């Protein structure tokens, strides 16, 4: 076993930096804790809410009109993004003759 000695002020600076990093990690965790997977929607739920087919949903993703996250070949959507896309689709339907 090797023993390393450091000055008090060096140790105090290291400790303060470590405490700052811990506070930053806690803040990030607190901000993003609200986005749980239970709140995300899968393809089937998105199709039902938007009243569209899976192919149309794929087109929305490919065109960049709908944000998504992919985890292990499964695609998820944030409800807020679905709501924005729904508003956009409704506007397009109203504009069509």
PDB file of N, CA and C in Angstrom:
ATOM      1  N   UNK A   1       0.844  -1.175   0.000  1.00  0.00           N
ATOM      2  CA  UNK A   1       0.000   0.000   0.000  1.00  0.00           C
ATOM      3  C   UNK A   1       0.885   1.232   0.000  1.00  0.00           C
ATOM      4  N   UNK A   2       0.500   2.224  -0.783  1.00  0.00           N
ATOM      5  CA  UNK A   2       1.269   3.446  -0.919  1.00  0.00           C
ATOM      6  C   UNK A   2       0.532   4.581  -0.216  1.00  0.00           C
ATOM      7  N   UNK A   3       1.248   5.377   0.519  1.00  0.00           N
ATOM      8  CA  UNK A   3       0.659   6.517   1.232  1.00  0.00           C
ATOM      9  C   UNK A   3       1.105   7.785   0.532  1.00  0.00           C
ATOM     10  N   UNK A   4       0.104   8.637   0.240  1.00  0.00           N
ATOM     11  CA  UNK A   4       0.385   9.907  -0.422  1.00  0.00           C
ATOM     12  C   UNK A   4      -0.098  11.015   0.501  1.00  0.00           C
ATOM     13  N   UNK A   5       0.731  11.989   0.701  1.00  0.00           N
ATOM     14  CA  UNK A   5       0.310  13.111   1.554  1.00  0.00           C
ATOM     15  C   UNK A   5       0.188  14.368   0.700  1.00  0.00           C
ATOM     16  N   UNK A   6      -0.813  15.186   1.028  1.00  0.00           N
ATOM     17  CA  UNK A   6      -1.032  16.447   0.317  1.00  0.00           C
ATOM     18  C   UNK A   6      -1.261  17.554   1.336  1.00  0.00           C
ATOM     19  N   UNK A   7      -1.074  18.768   0.900  1.00  0.00           N
ATOM     20  CA  UNK A   7      -1.268  19.907   1.796  1.00  0.00           C
ATOM     21  C   UNK A   7      -2.739  20.077   2.131  1.00  0.00           C
ATOM     22  N   UNK A   8      -3.010  20.690   3.265  1.00  0.00           N
ATOM     23  CA  UNK A   8      -4.387  20.939   3.703  1.00  0.00           C
ATOM     24  C   UNK A   8      -5.171  21.744   2.677  1.00  0.00           C
ATOM     25  N   UNK A   9      -4.559  22.819   2.180  1.00  0.00           N
ATOM     26  CA  UNK A   9      -5.303  23.683   1.251  1.00  0.00           C
ATOM     27  C   UNK A   9      -5.580  22.965  -0.068  1.00  0.00           C
ATOM     28  N   UNK A  10      -4.680  22.093  -0.510  1.00  0.00           N
ATOM     29  CA  UNK A  10      -4.916  21.307  -1.720  1.00  0.00           C
ATOM     30  C   UNK A  10      -6.080  20.346  -1.498  1.00  0.00           C
ATOM     31  N   UNK A  11      -6.090  19.703  -0.342  1.00  0.00           N
ATOM     32  CA  UNK A  11      -7.195  18.811  -0.007  1.00  0.00           C
ATOM     33  C   UNK A  11      -8.516  19.575   0.055  1.00  0.00           C
ATOM     34  N   UNK A  12      -8.506  20.756   0.670  1.00  0.00           N
ATOM     35  CA  UNK A  12      -9.728  21.569   0.758  1.00  0.00           C
ATOM     36  C   UNK A  12     -10.231  21.977  -0.620  1.00  0.00           C
ATOM     37  N   UNK A  13      -9.324  22.343  -1.531  1.00  0.00           N
ATOM     38  CA  UNK A  13      -9.736  22.702  -2.893  1.00  0.00           C
ATOM     39  C   UNK A  13     -10.322  21.491  -3.620  1.00  0.00           C
ATOM     40  N   UNK A  14      -9.707  20.340  -3.448  1.00  0.00           N
ATOM     41  CA  UNK A  14     -10.232  19.121  -4.068  1.00  0.00           C
ATOM     42  C   UNK A  14     -11.617  18.792  -3.524  1.00  0.00           C
ATOM     43  N   UNK A  15     -11.782  18.941  -2.221  1.00  0.00           N
ATOM     44  CA  UNK A  15     -13.063  18.656  -1.589  1.00  0.00           C
ATOM     45  C   UNK A  15     -14.147  19.615  -2.083  1.00  0.00           C
ATOM     46  N   UNK A  16     -13.812  20.898  -2.228  1.00  0.00           N
ATOM     47  CA  UNK A  16     -14.787  21.884  -2.728  1.00  0.00           C
ATOM     48  C   UNK A  16     -15.190  21.564  -4.161  1.00  0.00           C
ATOM     49  N   UNK A  17     -14.227  21.177  -4.987  1.00  0.00           N
ATOM     50  CA  UNK A  17     -14.546  20.822  -6.381  1.00  0.00           C
ATOM     51  C   UNK A  17     -15.436  19.587  -6.438  1.00  0.00           C
ATOM     52  N   UNK A  18     -15.155  18.634  -5.588  1.00  0.00           N
ATOM     53  CA  UNK A  18     -15.972  17.427  -5.539  1.00  0.00           C
ATOM     54  C   UNK A  18     -17.396  17.751  -5.084  1.00  0.00           C
ATOM     55  N   UNK A  19     -17.535  18.618  -4.100  1.00  0.00           N
ATOM     56  CA  UNK A  19     -18.857  19.032  -3.629  1.00  0.00           C
ATOM     57  C   UNK A  19     -19.608  19.792  -4.716  1.00  0.00           C
ATOM     58  N   UNK A  20     -18.907  20.643  -5.465  1.00  0.00           N
ATOM     59  CA  UNK A  20     -19.523  21.372  -6.572  1.00  0.00           C
ATOM     60  C   UNK A  20     -20.004  20.411  -7.645  1.00  0.00           C
ATOM     61  N   UNK A  21     -19.194  19.422  -7.975  1.00  0.00           N
ATOM     62  CA  UNK A  21     -19.583  18.428  -8.983  1.00  0.00           C
ATOM     63  C   UNK A  21     -20.796  17.633  -8.503  1.00  0.00           C
ATOM     64  N   UNK A  22     -20.838  17.288  -7.227  1.00  0.00           N
ATOM     65  CA  UNK A  22     -21.979  16.555  -6.680  1.00  0.00           C
ATOM     66  C   UNK A  22     -23.248  17.396  -6.748  1.00  0.00           C
ATOM     67  N   UNK A  23     -23.153  18.681  -6.442  1.00  0.00           N
ATOM     68  CA  UNK A  23     -24.328  19.577  -6.532  1.00  0.00           C
ATOM     69  C   UNK A  23     -24.812  19.688  -7.973  1.00  0.00           C
ATOM     70  N   UNK A  24     -23.873  19.802  -8.905  1.00  0.00           N
ATOM     71  CA  UNK A  24     -24.253  19.896 -10.318  1.00  0.00           C
ATOM     72  C   UNK A  24     -24.961  18.616 -10.760  1.00  0.00           C
ATOM     73  N   UNK A  25     -24.457  17.472 -10.355  1.00  0.00           N
ATOM     74  CA  UNK A  25     -25.087  16.195 -10.721  1.00  0.00           C
ATOM     75  C   UNK A  25     -26.488  16.101 -10.121  1.00  0.00           C
ATOM     76  N   UNK A  26     -26.661  16.551  -8.898  1.00  0.00           N
ATOM     77  CA  UNK A  26     -27.985  16.536  -8.268  1.00  0.00           C
ATOM     78  C   UNK A  26     -28.956  17.464  -8.999  1.00  0.00           C
ATOM     79  N   UNK A  27     -28.468  18.633  -9.431  1.00  0.00           N
ATOM     80  CA  UNK A  27     -29.326  19.568 -10.177  1.00  0.00           C
ATOM     81  C   UNK A  27     -29.783  18.958 -11.499  1.00  0.00           C
ATOM     82  N   UNK A  28     -28.867  18.330 -12.212  1.00  0.00           N
ATOM     83  CA  UNK A  28     -29.221  17.694 -13.483  1.00  0.00           C
ATOM     84  C   UNK A  28     -30.230  16.576 -13.240  1.00  0.00           C
ATOM     85  N   UNK A  29     -29.992  15.789 -12.229  1.00  0.00           N
ATOM     86  CA  UNK A  29     -30.917  14.697 -11.897  1.00  0.00           C
ATOM     87  C   UNK A  29     -32.299  15.249 -11.565  1.00  0.00           C
ATOM     88  N   UNK A  30     -32.356  16.309 -10.791  1.00  0.00           N
ATOM     89  CA  UNK A  30     -33.637  16.903 -10.392  1.00  0.00           C
ATOM     90  C   UNK A  30     -34.392  17.437 -11.608  1.00  0.00           C
ATOM     91  N   UNK A  31     -33.678  18.080 -12.538  1.00  0.00           N
ATOM     92  CA  UNK A  31     -34.331  18.644 -13.726  1.00  0.00           C
ATOM     93  C   UNK A  31     -34.883  17.576 -14.649  1.00  0.00           C
ATOM     94  N   UNK A  32     -34.154  16.491 -14.821  1.00  0.00           N
ATOM     95  CA  UNK A  32     -34.551  15.476 -15.790  1.00  0.00           C
ATOM     96  C   UNK A  32     -35.276  14.297 -15.162  1.00  0.00           C
ATOM     97  N   UNK A  33     -35.459  14.312 -13.876  1.00  0.00           N
ATOM     98  CA  UNK A  33     -36.168  13.237 -13.193  1.00  0.00           C
ATOM     99  C   UNK A  33     -37.612  13.161 -13.670  1.00  0.00           C
ATOM    100  N   UNK A  34     -38.173  14.285 -14.088  1.00  0.00           N
ATOM    101  CA  UNK A  34     -39.570  14.334 -14.511  1.00  0.00           C
ATOM    102  C   UNK A  34     -39.826  13.556 -15.791  1.00  0.00           C
ATOM    103  N   UNK A  35     -38.832  13.327 -16.606  1.00  0.00           N
ATOM    104  CA  UNK A  35     -38.992  12.618 -17.879  1.00  0.00           C
ATOM    105  C   UNK A  35     -38.798  11.121 -17.670  1.00  0.00           C
ATOM    106  N   UNK A  36     -39.787  10.482 -17.104  1.00  0.00           N
ATOM    107  CA  UNK A  36     -39.730   9.045 -16.866  1.00  0.00           C
ATOM    108  C   UNK A  36     -40.235   8.319 -18.106  1.00  0.00           C
ATOM    109  N   UNK A  37     -39.802   7.087 -18.284  1.00  0.00           N
ATOM    110  CA  UNK A  37     -40.228   6.332 -19.462  1.00  0.00           C
ATOM    111  C   UNK A  37     -41.734   6.118 -19.463  1.00  0.00           C
ATOM    112  N   UNK A  38     -42.372   6.096 -18.298  1.00  0.00           N
ATOM    113  CA  UNK A  38     -43.815   5.921 -18.237  1.00  0.00           C
ATOM    114  C   UNK A  38     -44.559   7.066 -18.903  1.00  0.00           C
ATOM    115  N   UNK A  39     -43.924   8.212 -19.009  1.00  0.00           N
ATOM    116  CA  UNK A  39     -44.551   9.372 -19.625  1.00  0.00           C
ATOM    117  C   UNK A  39     -44.335   9.408 -21.140  1.00  0.00           C
ATOM    118  N   UNK A  40     -43.478   8.580 -21.652  1.00  0.00           N
ATOM    119  CA  UNK A  40     -43.206   8.552 -23.079  1.00  0.00           C
ATOM    120  C   UNK A  40     -44.219   7.644 -23.769  1.00  0.00           C
ATOM    121  N   UNK A  41     -44.420   7.884 -25.048  1.00  0.00           N
ATOM    122  CA  UNK A  41     -45.391   7.118 -25.830  1.00  0.00           C
ATOM    123  C   UNK A  41     -44.657   6.265 -26.861  1.00  0.00           C
ATOM    124  N   UNK A  42     -45.194   5.087 -27.150  1.00  0.00           N
ATOM    125  CA  UNK A  42     -44.599   4.259 -28.184  1.00  0.00           C
ATOM    126  C   UNK A  42     -45.327   4.505 -29.509  1.00  0.00           C
ATOM    127  N   UNK A  43     -44.932   3.770 -30.562  1.00  0.00           N
ATOM    128  CA  UNK A  43     -45.520   3.975 -31.896  1.00  0.00           C
ATOM    129  C   UNK A  43     -47.033   3.792 -31.901  1.00  0.00           C
ATOM    130  N   UNK A  44     -47.498   2.749 -31.259  1.00  0.00           N
ATOM    131  CA  UNK A  44     -48.931   2.459 -31.283  1.00  0.00           C
ATOM    132  C   UNK A  44     -49.728   3.589 -30.621  1.00  0.00           C
ATOM    133  N   UNK A  45     -49.266   4.047 -29.472  1.00  0.00           N
ATOM    134  CA  UNK A  45     -49.962   5.138 -28.785  1.00  0.00           C
ATOM    135  C   UNK A  45     -49.936   6.426 -29.615  1.00  0.00           C
ATOM    136  N   UNK A  46     -48.795   6.685 -30.254  1.00  0.00           N
ATOM    137  CA  UNK A  46     -48.680   7.886 -31.084  1.00  0.00           C
ATOM    138  C   UNK A  46     -49.647   7.816 -32.275  1.00  0.00           C
ATOM    139  N   UNK A  47     -49.736   6.659 -32.919  1.00  0.00           N
ATOM    140  CA  UNK A  47     -50.656   6.493 -34.052  1.00  0.00           C
ATOM    141  C   UNK A  47     -52.105   6.724 -33.614  1.00  0.00           C
ATOM    142  N   UNK A  48     -52.466   6.201 -32.469  1.00  0.00           N
ATOM    143  CA  UNK A  48     -53.839   6.361 -31.976  1.00  0.00           C
ATOM    144  C   UNK A  48     -54.136   7.833 -31.687  1.00  0.00           C
ATOM    145  N   UNK A  49     -53.204   8.493 -30.996  1.00  0.00           N
ATOM    146  CA  UNK A  49     -53.431   9.899 -30.634  1.00  0.00           C
ATOM    147  C   UNK A  49     -53.483  10.807 -31.864  1.00  0.00           C
ATOM    148  N   UNK A  50     -52.627  10.520 -32.840  1.00  0.00           N
ATOM    149  CA  UNK A  50     -52.573  11.358 -34.040  1.00  0.00           C
ATOM    150  C   UNK A  50     -53.576  10.918 -35.106  1.00  0.00           C
ATOM    151  N   UNK A  51     -54.169   9.744 -34.911  1.00  0.00           N
ATOM    152  CA  UNK A  51     -55.122   9.192 -35.869  1.00  0.00           C
ATOM    153  C   UNK A  51     -54.482   9.025 -37.246  1.00  0.00           C
ATOM    154  N   UNK A  52     -53.299   8.398 -37.253  1.00  0.00           N
ATOM    155  CA  UNK A  52     -52.560   8.171 -38.491  1.00  0.00           C
ATOM    156  C   UNK A  52     -52.059   6.728 -38.519  1.00  0.00           C
ATOM    157  N   UNK A  53     -51.576   6.309 -39.678  1.00  0.00           N
ATOM    158  CA  UNK A  53     -51.033   4.962 -39.835  1.00  0.00           C
ATOM    159  C   UNK A  53     -49.565   4.934 -39.391  1.00  0.00           C
ATOM    160  N   UNK A  54     -49.035   3.742 -39.126  1.00  0.00           N
ATOM    161  CA  UNK A  54     -47.615   3.644 -38.780  1.00  0.00           C
ATOM    162  C   UNK A  54     -46.699   4.192 -39.877  1.00  0.00           C
ATOM    163  N   UNK A  55     -47.086   4.017 -41.137  1.00  0.00           N
ATOM    164  CA  UNK A  55     -46.271   4.538 -42.246  1.00  0.00           C
ATOM    165  C   UNK A  55     -46.246   6.064 -42.235  1.00  0.00           C
ATOM    166  N   UNK A  56     -47.396   6.690 -41.948  1.00  0.00           N
ATOM    167  CA  UNK A  56     -47.438   8.154 -41.864  1.00  0.00           C
ATOM    168  C   UNK A  56     -46.583   8.631 -40.702  1.00  0.00           C
ATOM    169  N   UNK A  57     -46.624   7.901 -39.605  1.00  0.00           N
ATOM    170  CA  UNK A  57     -45.799   8.242 -38.444  1.00  0.00           C
ATOM    171  C   UNK A  57     -44.320   8.174 -38.810  1.00  0.00           C
ATOM    172  N   UNK A  58     -43.941   7.145 -39.562  1.00  0.00           N
ATOM    173  CA  UNK A  58     -42.560   7.016 -40.013  1.00  0.00           C
ATOM    174  C   UNK A  58     -42.164   8.194 -40.899  1.00  0.00           C
ATOM    175  N   UNK A  59     -43.074   8.616 -41.766  1.00  0.00           N
ATOM    176  CA  UNK A  59     -42.800   9.760 -42.639  1.00  0.00           C
ATOM    177  C   UNK A  59     -42.593  11.032 -41.818  1.00  0.00           C
ATOM    178  N   UNK A  60     -43.391  11.208 -40.788  1.00  0.00           N
ATOM    179  CA  UNK A  60     -43.225  12.385 -39.921  1.00  0.00           C
ATOM    180  C   UNK A  60     -41.849  12.387 -39.265  1.00  0.00           C
ATOM    181  N   UNK A  61     -41.391  11.227 -38.845  1.00  0.00           N
ATOM    182  CA  UNK A  61     -40.055  11.112 -38.245  1.00  0.00           C
ATOM    183  C   UNK A  61     -38.981  11.422 -39.282  1.00  0.00           C
ATOM    184  N   UNK A  62     -39.109  10.808 -40.472  1.00  0.00           N
ATOM    185  CA  UNK A  62     -38.095  10.976 -41.516  1.00  0.00           C
ATOM    186  C   UNK A  62     -38.000  12.413 -41.993  1.00  0.00           C
ATOM    187  N   UNK A  63     -39.140  13.126 -42.023  1.00  0.00           N
ATOM    188  CA  UNK A  63     -39.155  14.517 -42.472  1.00  0.00           C
ATOM    189  C   UNK A  63     -38.750  15.495 -41.380  1.00  0.00           C
ATOM    190  N   UNK A  64     -38.503  14.994 -40.179  1.00  0.00           N
ATOM    191  CA  UNK A  64     -38.096  15.861 -39.083  1.00  0.00           C
ATOM    192  C   UNK A  64     -39.241  16.617 -38.444  1.00  0.00           C
ATOM    193  N   UNK A  65     -40.467  16.200 -38.731  1.00  0.00           N
ATOM    194  CA  UNK A  65     -41.627  16.895 -38.181  1.00  0.00           C
ATOM    195  C   UNK A  65     -41.981  16.404 -36.786  1.00  0.00           C
ATOM    196  N   UNK A  66     -41.442  15.250 -36.390  1.00  0.00           N
ATOM    197  CA  UNK A  66     -41.755  14.673 -35.092  1.00  0.00           C
ATOM    198  C   UNK A  66     -40.473  14.156 -34.449  1.00  0.00           C
ATOM    199  N   UNK A  67     -40.146  14.721 -33.295  1.00  0.00           N
ATOM    200  CA  UNK A  67     -38.952  14.286 -32.566  1.00  0.00           C
ATOM    201  C   UNK A  67     -39.215  12.935 -31.914  1.00  0.00           C
ATOM    202  N   UNK A  68     -38.171  12.152 -31.782  1.00  0.00           N
ATOM    203  CA  UNK A  68     -38.317  10.825 -31.182  1.00  0.00           C
ATOM    204  C   UNK A  68     -36.990  10.382 -30.586  1.00  0.00           C
ATOM    205  N   UNK A  69     -37.061   9.352 -29.774  1.00  0.00           N
ATOM    206  CA  UNK A  69     -35.867   8.703 -29.232  1.00  0.00           C
ATOM    207  C   UNK A  69     -35.991   7.215 -29.515  1.00  0.00           C
ATOM    208  N   UNK A  70     -34.869   6.591 -29.830  1.00  0.00           N
ATOM    209  CA  UNK A  70     -34.894   5.165 -30.125  1.00  0.00           C
ATOM    210  C   UNK A  70     -34.019   4.437 -29.107  1.00  0.00           C
ATOM    211  N   UNK A  71     -34.608   3.439 -28.475  1.00  0.00           N
ATOM    212  CA  UNK A  71     -33.896   2.625 -27.499  1.00  0.00           C
ATOM    213  C   UNK A  71     -34.108   1.161 -27.871  1.00  0.00           C
ATOM    214  N   UNK A  72     -33.041   0.487 -28.224  1.00  0.00           N
ATOM    215  CA  UNK A  72     -33.099  -0.942 -28.593  1.00  0.00           C
ATOM    216  C   UNK A  72     -34.172  -1.215 -29.644  1.00  0.00           C
ATOM    217  N   UNK A  73     -34.128  -0.521 -30.730  1.00  0.00           N
ATOM    218  CA  UNK A  73     -35.028  -0.711 -31.867  1.00  0.00           C
ATOM    219  C   UNK A  73     -36.482  -0.329 -31.571  1.00  0.00           C
ATOM    220  N   UNK A  74     -36.744   0.266 -30.427  1.00  0.00           N
ATOM    221  CA  UNK A  74     -38.103   0.716 -30.117  1.00  0.00           C
ATOM    222  C   UNK A  74     -38.084   2.237 -30.069  1.00  0.00           C
ATOM    223  N   UNK A  75     -39.121   2.842 -30.639  1.00  0.00           N
ATOM    224  CA  UNK A  75     -39.161   4.294 -30.767  1.00  0.00           C
ATOM    225  C   UNK A  75     -40.158   4.862 -29.762  1.00  0.00           C
ATOM    226  N   UNK A  76     -39.752   5.976 -29.131  1.00  0.00           N
ATOM    227  CA  UNK A  76     -40.578   6.635 -28.121  1.00  0.00           C
ATOM    228  C   UNK A  76     -40.722   8.111 -28.449  1.00  0.00           C
ATOM    229  N   UNK A  77     -41.847   8.688 -28.002  1.00  0.00           N
ATOM    230  CA  UNK A  77     -42.156  10.085 -28.248  1.00  0.00           C
ATOM    231  C   UNK A  77     -42.553  10.752 -26.935  1.00  0.00           C
ATOM    232  N   UNK A  78     -42.203  12.015 -26.807  1.00  0.00           N
ATOM    233  CA  UNK A  78     -42.625  12.803 -25.649  1.00  0.00           C
ATOM    234  C   UNK A  78     -44.035  13.313 -25.948  1.00  0.00           C
ATOM    235  N   UNK A  79     -44.945  13.238 -24.979  1.00  0.00           N
ATOM    236  CA  UNK A  79     -46.328  13.688 -25.225  1.00  0.00           C
ATOM    237  C   UNK A  79     -46.421  15.119 -25.765  1.00  0.00           C
ATOM    238  N   UNK A  80     -45.555  16.002 -25.321  1.00  0.00           N
ATOM    239  CA  UNK A  80     -45.585  17.390 -25.804  1.00  0.00           C
ATOM    240  C   UNK A  80     -45.303  17.464 -27.306  1.00  0.00           C
ATOM    241  N   UNK A  81     -44.384  16.610 -27.786  1.00  0.00           N
ATOM    242  CA  UNK A  81     -44.076  16.587 -29.225  1.00  0.00           C
ATOM    243  C   UNK A  81     -45.251  16.047 -30.025  1.00  0.00           C
ATOM    244  N   UNK A  82     -45.950  15.073 -29.471  1.00  0.00           N
ATOM    245  CA  UNK A  82     -47.144  14.543 -30.137  1.00  0.00           C
ATOM    246  C   UNK A  82     -48.206  15.639 -30.234  1.00  0.00           C
ATOM    247  N   UNK A  83     -48.363  16.404 -29.155  1.00  0.00           N
ATOM    248  CA  UNK A  83     -49.355  17.485 -29.145  1.00  0.00           C
ATOM    249  C   UNK A  83     -49.024  18.546 -30.196  1.00  0.00           C
ATOM    250  N   UNK A  84     -47.749  18.912 -30.304  1.00  0.00           N
ATOM    251  CA  UNK A  84     -47.338  19.894 -31.317  1.00  0.00           C
ATOM    252  C   UNK A  84     -47.616  19.377 -32.726  1.00  0.00           C
ATOM    253  N   UNK A  85     -47.306  18.110 -32.955  1.00  0.00           N
ATOM    254  CA  UNK A  85     -47.535  17.515 -34.268  1.00  0.00           C
ATOM    255  C   UNK A  85     -49.022  17.428 -34.564  1.00  0.00           C
ATOM    256  N   UNK A  86     -49.823  17.115 -33.560  1.00  0.00           N
ATOM    257  CA  UNK A  86     -51.270  17.059 -33.743  1.00  0.00           C
ATOM    258  C   UNK A  86     -51.808  18.424 -34.163  1.00  0.00           C
ATOM    259  N   UNK A  87     -51.335  19.476 -33.517  1.00  0.00           N
ATOM    260  CA  UNK A  87     -51.763  20.831 -33.891  1.00  0.00           C
ATOM    261  C   UNK A  87     -51.384  21.144 -35.331  1.00  0.00           C
ATOM    262  N   UNK A  88     -50.186  20.751 -35.727  1.00  0.00           N
ATOM    263  CA  UNK A  88     -49.718  20.983 -37.093  1.00  0.00           C
ATOM    264  C   UNK A  88     -50.561  20.207 -38.101  1.00  0.00           C
ATOM    265  N   UNK A  89     -50.873  18.959 -37.800  1.00  0.00           N
ATOM    266  CA  UNK A  89     -51.695  18.151 -38.705  1.00  0.00           C
ATOM    267  C   UNK A  89     -53.106  18.711 -38.833  1.00  0.00           C
ATOM    268  N   UNK A  90     -53.659  19.201 -37.731  1.00  0.00           N
ATOM    269  CA  UNK A  90     -54.998  19.790 -37.783  1.00  0.00           C
ATOM    270  C   UNK A  90     -55.003  21.062 -38.633  1.00  0.00           C
ATOM    271  N   UNK A  91     -53.961  21.866 -38.529  1.00  0.00           N
ATOM    272  CA  UNK A  91     -53.869  23.086 -39.356  1.00  0.00           C
ATOM    273  C   UNK A  91     -53.812  22.719 -40.824  1.00  0.00           C
ATOM    274  N   UNK A  92     -53.042  21.693 -41.159  1.00  0.00           N
ATOM    275  CA  UNK A  92     -52.923  21.267 -42.562  1.00  0.00           C
ATOM    276  C   UNK A  92     -54.269  20.783 -43.099  1.00  0.00           C
ATOM    277  N   UNK A  93     -55.014  20.062 -42.291  1.00  0.00           N
ATOM    278  CA  UNK A  93     -56.337  19.571 -42.731  1.00  0.00           C
ATOM    279  C   UNK A  93     -57.292  20.720 -42.960  1.00  0.00           C
ATOM    280  N   UNK A  94     -57.226  21.751 -42.141  1.00  0.00           N
ATOM    281  CA  UNK A  94     -58.094  22.919 -42.285  1.00  0.00           C
ATOM    282  C   UNK A  94     -57.770  23.698 -43.544  1.00  0.00           C
ATOM    283  N   UNK A  95     -56.478  23.716 -43.926  1.00  0.00           N
ATOM    284  CA  UNK A  95     -56.053  24.479 -45.100  1.00  0.00           C
ATOM    285  C   UNK A  95     -56.411  23.781 -46.412  1.00  0.00           C
ATOM    286  N   UNK A  96     -56.620  22.468 -46.362  1.00  0.00           N
ATOM    287  CA  UNK A  96     -56.936  21.734 -47.578  1.00  0.00           C
ATOM    288  C   UNK A  96     -58.385  22.043 -47.996  1.00  0.00           C
ATOM    289  N   UNK A  97     -58.606  22.192 -49.332  1.00  0.00           N
ATOM    290  CA  UNK A  97     -59.970  22.501 -49.803  1.00  0.00           C
ATOM    291  C   UNK A  97     -60.910  21.336 -49.694  1.00  0.00           C
TER     292      UNK A  97
END
